[in-house]
Amino acid sequence: MGTPGGEPDTRNSPVPPTGKEGLKGSLLGPQELDSWLVRTVRALQESMRDVQGRLQSLESMPAPPKQQQRPPSSARPWPLRLSGPTLLFFLLWPFIVQWLVRQFRTQKR
């Protein structure tokens, strides 16, 4: 994989040399660049075939069974599950308490 100097061998790598390697004069020649491009394209094609194979295997799998869905609750437009009287109580109790407090205050005077 590497050269005797400990640096990676970029001739067989699908990644072109960058950074210090380009500054040292190890630029690829036209023939090396062509072979590097061919290897890169082949690697991409192989990877694409692998992805397509996995996609086909996923598509050929049977669909998971659908869970029983409840019918849409068109009768209940309110998202909370409260009965009418309960909802009315929650809306009116502050007014009732305020009225009672006023009644007690007027009786004390």
PDB file of N, CA and C in Angstrom:
ATOM      1  N   MET A   1       0.807  -1.187   0.000  1.00  0.00           N
ATOM      2  CA  MET A   1       0.000   0.000   0.000  1.00  0.00           C
ATOM      3  C   MET A   1       0.853   1.256   0.000  1.00  0.00           C
ATOM      4  N   GLY A   2       1.921   1.263   0.749  1.00  0.00           N
ATOM      5  CA  GLY A   2       2.725   2.467   0.859  1.00  0.00           C
ATOM      6  C   GLY A   2       4.066   2.302   0.190  1.00  0.00           C
ATOM      7  N   THR A   3       4.753   3.387   0.047  1.00  0.00           N
ATOM      8  CA  THR A   3       6.093   3.367  -0.513  1.00  0.00           C
ATOM      9  C   THR A   3       7.080   3.138   0.620  1.00  0.00           C
ATOM     10  N   PRO A   4       8.334   2.807   0.302  1.00  0.00           N
ATOM     11  CA  PRO A   4       9.303   2.574   1.361  1.00  0.00           C
ATOM     12  C   PRO A   4       9.484   3.781   2.280  1.00  0.00           C
ATOM     13  N   GLY A   5       9.205   4.989   1.831  1.00  0.00           N
ATOM     14  CA  GLY A   5       9.349   6.180   2.651  1.00  0.00           C
ATOM     15  C   GLY A   5       8.199   6.361   3.636  1.00  0.00           C
ATOM     16  N   GLY A   6       7.193   5.486   3.591  1.00  0.00           N
ATOM     17  CA  GLY A   6       6.081   5.575   4.511  1.00  0.00           C
ATOM     18  C   GLY A   6       4.910   6.371   3.986  1.00  0.00           C
ATOM     19  N   GLU A   7       5.006   6.906   2.788  1.00  0.00           N
ATOM     20  CA  GLU A   7       3.893   7.664   2.229  1.00  0.00           C
ATOM     21  C   GLU A   7       3.003   6.725   1.429  1.00  0.00           C
ATOM     22  N   PRO A   8       1.704   6.972   1.409  1.00  0.00           N
ATOM     23  CA  PRO A   8       0.800   6.093   0.667  1.00  0.00           C
ATOM     24  C   PRO A   8       1.054   6.179  -0.831  1.00  0.00           C
ATOM     25  N   ASP A   9       0.835   5.047  -1.495  1.00  0.00           N
ATOM     26  CA  ASP A   9       1.010   4.978  -2.936  1.00  0.00           C
ATOM     27  C   ASP A   9      -0.268   5.493  -3.588  1.00  0.00           C
ATOM     28  N   THR A  10      -0.175   6.640  -4.258  1.00  0.00           N
ATOM     29  CA  THR A  10      -1.366   7.266  -4.832  1.00  0.00           C
ATOM     30  C   THR A  10      -1.649   6.796  -6.250  1.00  0.00           C
ATOM     31  N   ARG A  11      -0.799   5.971  -6.810  1.00  0.00           N
ATOM     32  CA  ARG A  11      -1.034   5.545  -8.188  1.00  0.00           C
ATOM     33  C   ARG A  11      -2.236   4.615  -8.285  1.00  0.00           C
ATOM     34  N   ASN A  12      -2.457   3.766  -7.280  1.00  0.00           N
ATOM     35  CA  ASN A  12      -3.570   2.828  -7.324  1.00  0.00           C
ATOM     36  C   ASN A  12      -4.771   3.319  -6.528  1.00  0.00           C
ATOM     37  N   SER A  13      -4.690   4.476  -5.948  1.00  0.00           N
ATOM     38  CA  SER A  13      -5.767   5.011  -5.128  1.00  0.00           C
ATOM     39  C   SER A  13      -6.806   5.697  -6.011  1.00  0.00           C
ATOM     40  N   PRO A  14      -8.102   5.550  -5.684  1.00  0.00           N
ATOM     41  CA  PRO A  14      -9.122   6.262  -6.457  1.00  0.00           C
ATOM     42  C   PRO A  14      -9.149   7.749  -6.132  1.00  0.00           C
ATOM     43  N   VAL A  15      -8.388   8.184  -5.136  1.00  0.00           N
ATOM     44  CA  VAL A  15      -8.355   9.590  -4.761  1.00  0.00           C
ATOM     45  C   VAL A  15      -7.099  10.215  -5.350  1.00  0.00           C
ATOM     46  N   PRO A  16      -7.230  11.323  -6.070  1.00  0.00           N
ATOM     47  CA  PRO A  16      -6.042  11.941  -6.658  1.00  0.00           C
ATOM     48  C   PRO A  16      -5.171  12.561  -5.568  1.00  0.00           C
ATOM     49  N   PRO A  17      -3.859  12.681  -5.820  1.00  0.00           N
ATOM     50  CA  PRO A  17      -2.976  13.254  -4.815  1.00  0.00           C
ATOM     51  C   PRO A  17      -3.296  14.728  -4.601  1.00  0.00           C
ATOM     52  N   THR A  18      -3.242  15.141  -3.342  1.00  0.00           N
ATOM     53  CA  THR A  18      -3.508  16.540  -3.009  1.00  0.00           C
ATOM     54  C   THR A  18      -2.493  16.997  -1.987  1.00  0.00           C
ATOM     55  N   GLY A  19      -2.514  18.273  -1.695  1.00  0.00           N
ATOM     56  CA  GLY A  19      -1.685  18.816  -0.624  1.00  0.00           C
ATOM     57  C   GLY A  19      -0.214  18.750  -0.934  1.00  0.00           C
ATOM     58  N   LYS A  20       0.569  18.197   0.014  1.00  0.00           N
ATOM     59  CA  LYS A  20       2.029  18.147  -0.114  1.00  0.00           C
ATOM     60  C   LYS A  20       2.468  17.281  -1.292  1.00  0.00           C
ATOM     61  N   GLU A  21       1.694  16.229  -1.572  1.00  0.00           N
ATOM     62  CA  GLU A  21       2.101  15.326  -2.649  1.00  0.00           C
ATOM     63  C   GLU A  21       2.189  16.070  -3.977  1.00  0.00           C
ATOM     64  N   GLY A  22       1.239  16.968  -4.221  1.00  0.00           N
ATOM     65  CA  GLY A  22       1.256  17.728  -5.460  1.00  0.00           C
ATOM     66  C   GLY A  22       2.437  18.690  -5.495  1.00  0.00           C
ATOM     67  N   LEU A  23       2.860  19.192  -4.350  1.00  0.00           N
ATOM     68  CA  LEU A  23       3.956  20.140  -4.297  1.00  0.00           C
ATOM     69  C   LEU A  23       5.301  19.447  -4.485  1.00  0.00           C
ATOM     70  N   LYS A  24       5.395  18.168  -4.142  1.00  0.00           N
ATOM     71  CA  LYS A  24       6.667  17.449  -4.255  1.00  0.00           C
ATOM     72  C   LYS A  24       6.969  17.047  -5.688  1.00  0.00           C
ATOM     73  N   GLY A  25       6.063  17.260  -6.599  1.00  0.00           N
ATOM     74  CA  GLY A  25       6.317  16.901  -7.987  1.00  0.00           C
ATOM     75  C   GLY A  25       5.775  15.537  -8.340  1.00  0.00           C
ATOM     76  N   SER A  26       4.926  14.933  -7.495  1.00  0.00           N
ATOM     77  CA  SER A  26       4.376  13.626  -7.824  1.00  0.00           C
ATOM     78  C   SER A  26       3.047  13.771  -8.548  1.00  0.00           C
ATOM     79  N   LEU A  27       2.934  14.792  -9.401  1.00  0.00           N
ATOM     80  CA  LEU A  27       1.720  14.979 -10.182  1.00  0.00           C
ATOM     81  C   LEU A  27       1.570  13.831 -11.164  1.00  0.00           C
ATOM     82  N   LEU A  28       0.343  13.471 -11.420  1.00  0.00           N
ATOM     83  CA  LEU A  28       0.082  12.377 -12.336  1.00  0.00           C
ATOM     84  C   LEU A  28       0.289  12.842 -13.773  1.00  0.00           C
ATOM     85  N   GLY A  29       0.876  11.973 -14.561  1.00  0.00           N
ATOM     86  CA  GLY A  29       1.021  12.255 -15.978  1.00  0.00           C
ATOM     87  C   GLY A  29      -0.279  11.958 -16.683  1.00  0.00           C
ATOM     88  N   PRO A  30      -0.359  12.299 -17.966  1.00  0.00           N
ATOM     89  CA  PRO A  30      -1.614  12.092 -18.703  1.00  0.00           C
ATOM     90  C   PRO A  30      -2.042  10.623 -18.721  1.00  0.00           C
ATOM     91  N   GLN A  31      -1.086   9.719 -18.881  1.00  0.00           N
ATOM     92  CA  GLN A  31      -1.432   8.303 -18.945  1.00  0.00           C
ATOM     93  C   GLN A  31      -1.871   7.803 -17.564  1.00  0.00           C
ATOM     94  N   GLU A  32      -1.178   8.242 -16.519  1.00  0.00           N
ATOM     95  CA  GLU A  32      -1.559   7.851 -15.170  1.00  0.00           C
ATOM     96  C   GLU A  32      -2.914   8.432 -14.792  1.00  0.00           C
ATOM     97  N   LEU A  33      -3.151   9.664 -15.225  1.00  0.00           N
ATOM     98  CA  LEU A  33      -4.430  10.290 -14.946  1.00  0.00           C
ATOM     99  C   LEU A  33      -5.566   9.529 -15.633  1.00  0.00           C
ATOM    100  N   ASP A  34      -5.335   9.119 -16.887  1.00  0.00           N
ATOM    101  CA  ASP A  34      -6.344   8.340 -17.604  1.00  0.00           C
ATOM    102  C   ASP A  34      -6.624   7.024 -16.892  1.00  0.00           C
ATOM    103  N   SER A  35      -5.578   6.336 -16.462  1.00  0.00           N
ATOM    104  CA  SER A  35      -5.790   5.054 -15.782  1.00  0.00           C
ATOM    105  C   SER A  35      -6.470   5.274 -14.426  1.00  0.00           C
ATOM    106  N   TRP A  36      -6.101   6.365 -13.764  1.00  0.00           N
ATOM    107  CA  TRP A  36      -6.759   6.671 -12.481  1.00  0.00           C
ATOM    108  C   TRP A  36      -8.249   6.942 -12.693  1.00  0.00           C
ATOM    109  N   LEU A  37      -8.572   7.688 -13.756  1.00  0.00           N
ATOM    110  CA  LEU A  37      -9.973   7.967 -14.058  1.00  0.00           C
ATOM    111  C   LEU A  37     -10.735   6.692 -14.387  1.00  0.00           C
ATOM    112  N   VAL A  38     -10.120   5.793 -15.141  1.00  0.00           N
ATOM    113  CA  VAL A  38     -10.771   4.535 -15.502  1.00  0.00           C
ATOM    114  C   VAL A  38     -11.043   3.717 -14.240  1.00  0.00           C
ATOM    115  N   ARG A  39     -10.054   3.637 -13.339  1.00  0.00           N
ATOM    116  CA  ARG A  39     -10.253   2.882 -12.094  1.00  0.00           C
ATOM    117  C   ARG A  39     -11.343   3.512 -11.233  1.00  0.00           C
ATOM    118  N   THR A  40     -11.366   4.831 -11.199  1.00  0.00           N
ATOM    119  CA  THR A  40     -12.379   5.519 -10.394  1.00  0.00           C
ATOM    120  C   THR A  40     -13.770   5.277 -10.951  1.00  0.00           C
ATOM    121  N   VAL A  41     -13.912   5.356 -12.264  1.00  0.00           N
ATOM    122  CA  VAL A  41     -15.215   5.120 -12.896  1.00  0.00           C
ATOM    123  C   VAL A  41     -15.650   3.685 -12.664  1.00  0.00           C
ATOM    124  N   ARG A  42     -14.731   2.739 -12.783  1.00  0.00           N
ATOM    125  CA  ARG A  42     -15.081   1.325 -12.540  1.00  0.00           C
ATOM    126  C   ARG A  42     -15.503   1.113 -11.087  1.00  0.00           C
ATOM    127  N   ALA A  43     -14.799   1.747 -10.168  1.00  0.00           N
ATOM    128  CA  ALA A  43     -15.171   1.617  -8.752  1.00  0.00           C
ATOM    129  C   ALA A  43     -16.552   2.211  -8.503  1.00  0.00           C
ATOM    130  N   LEU A  44     -16.836   3.347  -9.138  1.00  0.00           N
ATOM    131  CA  LEU A  44     -18.156   3.952  -8.991  1.00  0.00           C
ATOM    132  C   LEU A  44     -19.247   3.072  -9.604  1.00  0.00           C
ATOM    133  N   GLN A  45     -18.956   2.478 -10.752  1.00  0.00           N
ATOM    134  CA  GLN A  45     -19.934   1.593 -11.381  1.00  0.00           C
ATOM    135  C   GLN A  45     -20.199   0.368 -10.512  1.00  0.00           C
ATOM    136  N   GLU A  46     -19.142  -0.186  -9.933  1.00  0.00           N
ATOM    137  CA  GLU A  46     -19.303  -1.346  -9.055  1.00  0.00           C
ATOM    138  C   GLU A  46     -20.127  -0.975  -7.826  1.00  0.00           C
ATOM    139  N   SER A  47     -19.831   0.186  -7.279  1.00  0.00           N
ATOM    140  CA  SER A  47     -20.592   0.652  -6.123  1.00  0.00           C
ATOM    141  C   SER A  47     -22.056   0.874  -6.493  1.00  0.00           C
ATOM    142  N   MET A  48     -22.287   1.415  -7.672  1.00  0.00           N
ATOM    143  CA  MET A  48     -23.658   1.654  -8.125  1.00  0.00           C
ATOM    144  C   MET A  48     -24.396   0.336  -8.331  1.00  0.00           C
ATOM    145  N   ARG A  49     -23.728  -0.664  -8.888  1.00  0.00           N
ATOM    146  CA  ARG A  49     -24.357  -1.982  -9.053  1.00  0.00           C
ATOM    147  C   ARG A  49     -24.721  -2.568  -7.698  1.00  0.00           C
ATOM    148  N   ASP A  50     -23.848  -2.380  -6.724  1.00  0.00           N
ATOM    149  CA  ASP A  50     -24.118  -2.874  -5.379  1.00  0.00           C
ATOM    150  C   ASP A  50     -25.349  -2.180  -4.787  1.00  0.00           C
ATOM    151  N   VAL A  51     -25.428  -0.880  -4.954  1.00  0.00           N
ATOM    152  CA  VAL A  51     -26.574  -0.123  -4.438  1.00  0.00           C
ATOM    153  C   VAL A  51     -27.850  -0.555  -5.148  1.00  0.00           C
ATOM    154  N   GLN A  52     -27.788  -0.735  -6.461  1.00  0.00           N
ATOM    155  CA  GLN A  52     -28.975  -1.165  -7.207  1.00  0.00           C
ATOM    156  C   GLN A  52     -29.419  -2.562  -6.767  1.00  0.00           C
ATOM    157  N   GLY A  53     -28.461  -3.439  -6.506  1.00  0.00           N
ATOM    158  CA  GLY A  53     -28.808  -4.784  -6.031  1.00  0.00           C
ATOM    159  C   GLY A  53     -29.497  -4.732  -4.676  1.00  0.00           C
ATOM    160  N   ARG A  54     -28.978  -3.896  -3.779  1.00  0.00           N
ATOM    161  CA  ARG A  54     -29.623  -3.765  -2.466  1.00  0.00           C
ATOM    162  C   ARG A  54     -31.008  -3.152  -2.597  1.00  0.00           C
ATOM    163  N   LEU A  55     -31.158  -2.195  -3.510  1.00  0.00           N
ATOM    164  CA  LEU A  55     -32.458  -1.571  -3.715  1.00  0.00           C
ATOM    165  C   LEU A  55     -33.460  -2.586  -4.269  1.00  0.00           C
ATOM    166  N   GLN A  56     -33.033  -3.405  -5.213  1.00  0.00           N
ATOM    167  CA  GLN A  56     -33.928  -4.421  -5.761  1.00  0.00           C
ATOM    168  C   GLN A  56     -34.335  -5.430  -4.702  1.00  0.00           C
ATOM    169  N   SER A  57     -33.385  -5.797  -3.832  1.00  0.00           N
ATOM    170  CA  SER A  57     -33.746  -6.752  -2.778  1.00  0.00           C
ATOM    171  C   SER A  57     -34.731  -6.129  -1.800  1.00  0.00           C
ATOM    172  N   LEU A  58     -34.583  -4.833  -1.527  1.00  0.00           N
ATOM    173  CA  LEU A  58     -35.546  -4.165  -0.643  1.00  0.00           C
ATOM    174  C   LEU A  58     -36.908  -4.052  -1.302  1.00  0.00           C
ATOM    175  N   GLU A  59     -36.906  -3.742  -2.602  1.00  0.00           N
ATOM    176  CA  GLU A  59     -38.178  -3.603  -3.303  1.00  0.00           C
ATOM    177  C   GLU A  59     -38.890  -4.938  -3.458  1.00  0.00           C
ATOM    178  N   SER A  60     -38.160  -6.028  -3.527  1.00  0.00           N
ATOM    179  CA  SER A  60     -38.788  -7.332  -3.709  1.00  0.00           C
ATOM    180  C   SER A  60     -39.288  -7.923  -2.395  1.00  0.00           C
ATOM    181  N   MET A  61     -38.893  -7.335  -1.271  1.00  0.00           N
ATOM    182  CA  MET A  61     -39.368  -7.823   0.025  1.00  0.00           C
ATOM    183  C   MET A  61     -40.854  -7.527   0.151  1.00  0.00           C
ATOM    184  N   PRO A  62     -41.580  -8.426   0.812  1.00  0.00           N
ATOM    185  CA  PRO A  62     -43.010  -8.145   0.995  1.00  0.00           C
ATOM    186  C   PRO A  62     -43.183  -6.960   1.941  1.00  0.00           C
ATOM    187  N   ALA A  63     -44.229  -6.220   1.687  1.00  0.00           N
ATOM    188  CA  ALA A  63     -44.510  -5.049   2.513  1.00  0.00           C
ATOM    189  C   ALA A  63     -44.921  -5.502   3.907  1.00  0.00           C
ATOM    190  N   PRO A  64     -44.511  -4.777   4.935  1.00  0.00           N
ATOM    191  CA  PRO A  64     -44.925  -5.165   6.284  1.00  0.00           C
ATOM    192  C   PRO A  64     -46.433  -5.036   6.416  1.00  0.00           C
ATOM    193  N   PRO A  65     -47.022  -5.891   7.238  1.00  0.00           N
ATOM    194  CA  PRO A  65     -48.482  -5.818   7.377  1.00  0.00           C
ATOM    195  C   PRO A  65     -48.883  -4.484   7.983  1.00  0.00           C
ATOM    196  N   LYS A  66     -49.943  -3.932   7.422  1.00  0.00           N
ATOM    197  CA  LYS A  66     -50.418  -2.638   7.907  1.00  0.00           C
ATOM    198  C   LYS A  66     -51.178  -2.854   9.213  1.00  0.00           C
ATOM    199  N   GLN A  67     -50.955  -1.951  10.133  1.00  0.00           N
ATOM    200  CA  GLN A  67     -51.668  -2.023  11.391  1.00  0.00           C
ATOM    201  C   GLN A  67     -53.092  -1.546  11.170  1.00  0.00           C
ATOM    202  N   GLN A  68     -53.976  -2.096  11.973  1.00  0.00           N
ATOM    203  CA  GLN A  68     -55.372  -1.700  11.854  1.00  0.00           C
ATOM    204  C   GLN A  68     -55.494  -0.242  12.244  1.00  0.00           C
ATOM    205  N   GLN A  69     -55.945   0.535  11.322  1.00  0.00           N
ATOM    206  CA  GLN A  69     -56.103   1.954  11.590  1.00  0.00           C
ATOM    207  C   GLN A  69     -57.551   2.224  11.972  1.00  0.00           C
ATOM    208  N   ARG A  70     -57.687   3.133  12.927  1.00  0.00           N
ATOM    209  CA  ARG A  70     -59.032   3.526  13.321  1.00  0.00           C
ATOM    210  C   ARG A  70     -59.632   4.393  12.227  1.00  0.00           C
ATOM    211  N   PRO A  71     -60.913   4.265  12.036  1.00  0.00           N
ATOM    212  CA  PRO A  71     -61.540   5.146  11.036  1.00  0.00           C
ATOM    213  C   PRO A  71     -61.426   6.588  11.505  1.00  0.00           C
ATOM    214  N   PRO A  72     -61.341   7.509  10.584  1.00  0.00           N
ATOM    215  CA  PRO A  72     -61.218   8.912  10.995  1.00  0.00           C
ATOM    216  C   PRO A  72     -62.419   9.335  11.825  1.00  0.00           C
ATOM    217  N   SER A  73     -62.119  10.015  12.893  1.00  0.00           N
ATOM    218  CA  SER A  73     -63.192  10.417  13.803  1.00  0.00           C
ATOM    219  C   SER A  73     -63.792  11.739  13.332  1.00  0.00           C
ATOM    220  N   SER A  74     -64.593  11.644  12.306  1.00  0.00           N
ATOM    221  CA  SER A  74     -65.222  12.843  11.758  1.00  0.00           C
ATOM    222  C   SER A  74     -66.325  13.344  12.688  1.00  0.00           C
ATOM    223  N   ALA A  75     -66.824  12.475  13.575  1.00  0.00           N
ATOM    224  CA  ALA A  75     -67.864  12.888  14.503  1.00  0.00           C
ATOM    225  C   ALA A  75     -67.284  13.766  15.611  1.00  0.00           C
ATOM    226  N   ARG A  76     -65.983  13.667  15.868  1.00  0.00           N
ATOM    227  CA  ARG A  76     -65.342  14.432  16.934  1.00  0.00           C
ATOM    228  C   ARG A  76     -64.291  15.352  16.348  1.00  0.00           C
ATOM    229  N   PRO A  77     -64.657  16.574  16.025  1.00  0.00           N
ATOM    230  CA  PRO A  77     -63.654  17.481  15.476  1.00  0.00           C
ATOM    231  C   PRO A  77     -62.685  17.972  16.545  1.00  0.00           C
ATOM    232  N   TRP A  78     -63.069  17.918  17.819  1.00  0.00           N
ATOM    233  CA  TRP A  78     -62.210  18.364  18.905  1.00  0.00           C
ATOM    234  C   TRP A  78     -61.157  17.288  19.180  1.00  0.00           C
ATOM    235  N   PRO A  79     -59.870  17.622  19.196  1.00  0.00           N
ATOM    236  CA  PRO A  79     -58.841  16.597  19.361  1.00  0.00           C
ATOM    237  C   PRO A  79     -58.814  15.958  20.752  1.00  0.00           C
ATOM    238  N   LEU A  80     -59.334  16.665  21.766  1.00  0.00           N
ATOM    239  CA  LEU A  80     -59.359  16.095  23.111  1.00  0.00           C
ATOM    240  C   LEU A  80     -60.586  15.207  23.264  1.00  0.00           C
ATOM    241  N   ARG A  81     -60.430  14.161  24.017  1.00  0.00           N
ATOM    242  CA  ARG A  81     -61.539  13.232  24.210  1.00  0.00           C
ATOM    243  C   ARG A  81     -62.329  13.626  25.458  1.00  0.00           C
ATOM    244  N   LEU A  82     -63.033  14.715  25.364  1.00  0.00           N
ATOM    245  CA  LEU A  82     -63.841  15.205  26.465  1.00  0.00           C
ATOM    246  C   LEU A  82     -65.298  15.232  26.029  1.00  0.00           C
ATOM    247  N   SER A  83     -66.148  14.866  26.961  1.00  0.00           N
ATOM    248  CA  SER A  83     -67.569  14.939  26.647  1.00  0.00           C
ATOM    249  C   SER A  83     -68.011  16.392  26.658  1.00  0.00           C
ATOM    250  N   GLY A  84     -69.179  16.647  26.150  1.00  0.00           N
ATOM    251  CA  GLY A  84     -69.708  18.002  26.088  1.00  0.00           C
ATOM    252  C   GLY A  84     -69.851  18.643  27.461  1.00  0.00           C
ATOM    253  N   PRO A  85     -70.489  17.936  28.423  1.00  0.00           N
ATOM    254  CA  PRO A  85     -70.629  18.535  29.752  1.00  0.00           C
ATOM    255  C   PRO A  85     -69.282  18.805  30.436  1.00  0.00           C
ATOM    256  N   THR A  86     -68.314  17.931  30.254  1.00  0.00           N
ATOM    257  CA  THR A  86     -66.997  18.145  30.859  1.00  0.00           C
ATOM    258  C   THR A  86     -66.328  19.372  30.263  1.00  0.00           C
ATOM    259  N   LEU A  87     -66.403  19.514  28.980  1.00  0.00           N
ATOM    260  CA  LEU A  87     -65.820  20.674  28.319  1.00  0.00           C
ATOM    261  C   LEU A  87     -66.515  21.963  28.773  1.00  0.00           C
ATOM    262  N   LEU A  88     -67.832  21.904  28.897  1.00  0.00           N
ATOM    263  CA  LEU A  88     -68.583  23.061  29.368  1.00  0.00           C
ATOM    264  C   LEU A  88     -68.168  23.436  30.792  1.00  0.00           C
ATOM    265  N   PHE A  89     -67.985  22.415  31.657  1.00  0.00           N
ATOM    266  CA  PHE A  89     -67.542  22.684  33.019  1.00  0.00           C
ATOM    267  C   PHE A  89     -66.180  23.366  33.022  1.00  0.00           C
ATOM    268  N   PHE A  90     -65.227  22.877  32.232  1.00  0.00           N
ATOM    269  CA  PHE A  90     -63.890  23.481  32.202  1.00  0.00           C
ATOM    270  C   PHE A  90     -63.921  24.922  31.700  1.00  0.00           C
ATOM    271  N   LEU A  91     -64.848  25.217  30.836  1.00  0.00           N
ATOM    272  CA  LEU A  91     -64.938  26.588  30.327  1.00  0.00           C
ATOM    273  C   LEU A  91     -65.626  27.536  31.308  1.00  0.00           C
ATOM    274  N   LEU A  92     -66.602  27.021  32.062  1.00  0.00           N
ATOM    275  CA  LEU A  92     -67.415  27.902  32.893  1.00  0.00           C
ATOM    276  C   LEU A  92     -66.978  28.004  34.353  1.00  0.00           C
ATOM    277  N   TRP A  93     -66.177  27.083  34.874  1.00  0.00           N
ATOM    278  CA  TRP A  93     -65.876  27.091  36.305  1.00  0.00           C
ATOM    279  C   TRP A  93     -65.201  28.378  36.780  1.00  0.00           C
ATOM    280  N   PRO A  94     -64.309  29.015  36.006  1.00  0.00           N
ATOM    281  CA  PRO A  94     -63.723  30.249  36.533  1.00  0.00           C
ATOM    282  C   PRO A  94     -64.771  31.345  36.747  1.00  0.00           C
ATOM    283  N   PHE A  95     -65.743  31.409  35.852  1.00  0.00           N
ATOM    284  CA  PHE A  95     -66.782  32.421  35.988  1.00  0.00           C
ATOM    285  C   PHE A  95     -67.682  32.128  37.192  1.00  0.00           C
ATOM    286  N   ILE A  96     -67.964  30.838  37.402  1.00  0.00           N
ATOM    287  CA  ILE A  96     -68.806  30.455  38.542  1.00  0.00           C
ATOM    288  C   ILE A  96     -68.095  30.768  39.855  1.00  0.00           C
ATOM    289  N   VAL A  97     -66.809  30.450  39.942  1.00  0.00           N
ATOM    290  CA  VAL A  97     -66.040  30.731  41.154  1.00  0.00           C
ATOM    291  C   VAL A  97     -65.976  32.238  41.396  1.00  0.00           C
ATOM    292  N   GLN A  98     -65.760  33.016  40.372  1.00  0.00           N
ATOM    293  CA  GLN A  98     -65.713  34.470  40.527  1.00  0.00           C
ATOM    294  C   GLN A  98     -67.067  34.999  41.023  1.00  0.00           C
ATOM    295  N   TRP A  99     -68.161  34.490  40.505  1.00  0.00           N
ATOM    296  CA  TRP A  99     -69.487  34.912  40.950  1.00  0.00           C
ATOM    297  C   TRP A  99     -69.705  34.551  42.417  1.00  0.00           C
ATOM    298  N   LEU A 100     -69.281  33.319  42.817  1.00  0.00           N
ATOM    299  CA  LEU A 100     -69.429  32.907  44.213  1.00  0.00           C
ATOM    300  C   LEU A 100     -68.607  33.790  45.147  1.00  0.00           C
ATOM    301  N   VAL A 101     -67.383  34.114  44.764  1.00  0.00           N
ATOM    302  CA  VAL A 101     -66.536  34.970  45.587  1.00  0.00           C
ATOM    303  C   VAL A 101     -67.195  36.336  45.756  1.00  0.00           C
ATOM    304  N   ARG A 102     -67.746  36.884  44.731  1.00  0.00           N
ATOM    305  CA  ARG A 102     -68.431  38.189  44.828  1.00  0.00           C
ATOM    306  C   ARG A 102     -69.657  38.103  45.755  1.00  0.00           C
ATOM    307  N   GLN A 103     -70.379  36.979  45.666  1.00  0.00           N
ATOM    308  CA  GLN A 103     -71.549  36.809  46.526  1.00  0.00           C
ATOM    309  C   GLN A 103     -71.156  36.773  48.003  1.00  0.00           C
ATOM    310  N   PHE A 104     -70.064  36.061  48.309  1.00  0.00           N
ATOM    311  CA  PHE A 104     -69.604  35.995  49.693  1.00  0.00           C
ATOM    312  C   PHE A 104     -69.124  37.355  50.187  1.00  0.00           C
ATOM    313  N   ARG A 105     -68.470  38.106  49.341  1.00  0.00           N
ATOM    314  CA  ARG A 105     -67.989  39.446  49.730  1.00  0.00           C
ATOM    315  C   ARG A 105     -69.151  40.394  50.019  1.00  0.00           C
ATOM    316  N   THR A 106     -70.174  40.333  49.207  1.00  0.00           N
ATOM    317  CA  THR A 106     -71.303  41.231  49.431  1.00  0.00           C
ATOM    318  C   THR A 106     -72.099  40.840  50.687  1.00  0.00           C
ATOM    319  N   GLN A 107     -72.122  39.552  51.029  1.00  0.00           N
ATOM    320  CA  GLN A 107     -72.826  39.125  52.217  1.00  0.00           C
ATOM    321  C   GLN A 107     -72.089  39.561  53.485  1.00  0.00           C
ATOM    322  N   LYS A 108     -70.742  39.630  53.447  1.00  0.00           N
ATOM    323  CA  LYS A 108     -69.968  40.026  54.615  1.00  0.00           C
ATOM    324  C   LYS A 108     -70.130  41.499  54.910  1.00  0.00           C
ATOM    325  N   ARG A 109     -70.422  42.289  53.948  1.00  0.00           N
ATOM    326  CA  ARG A 109     -70.549  43.743  54.150  1.00  0.00           C
ATOM    327  C   ARG A 109     -71.855  44.076  54.695  1.00  0.00           C
TER     328      ARG A 109
END
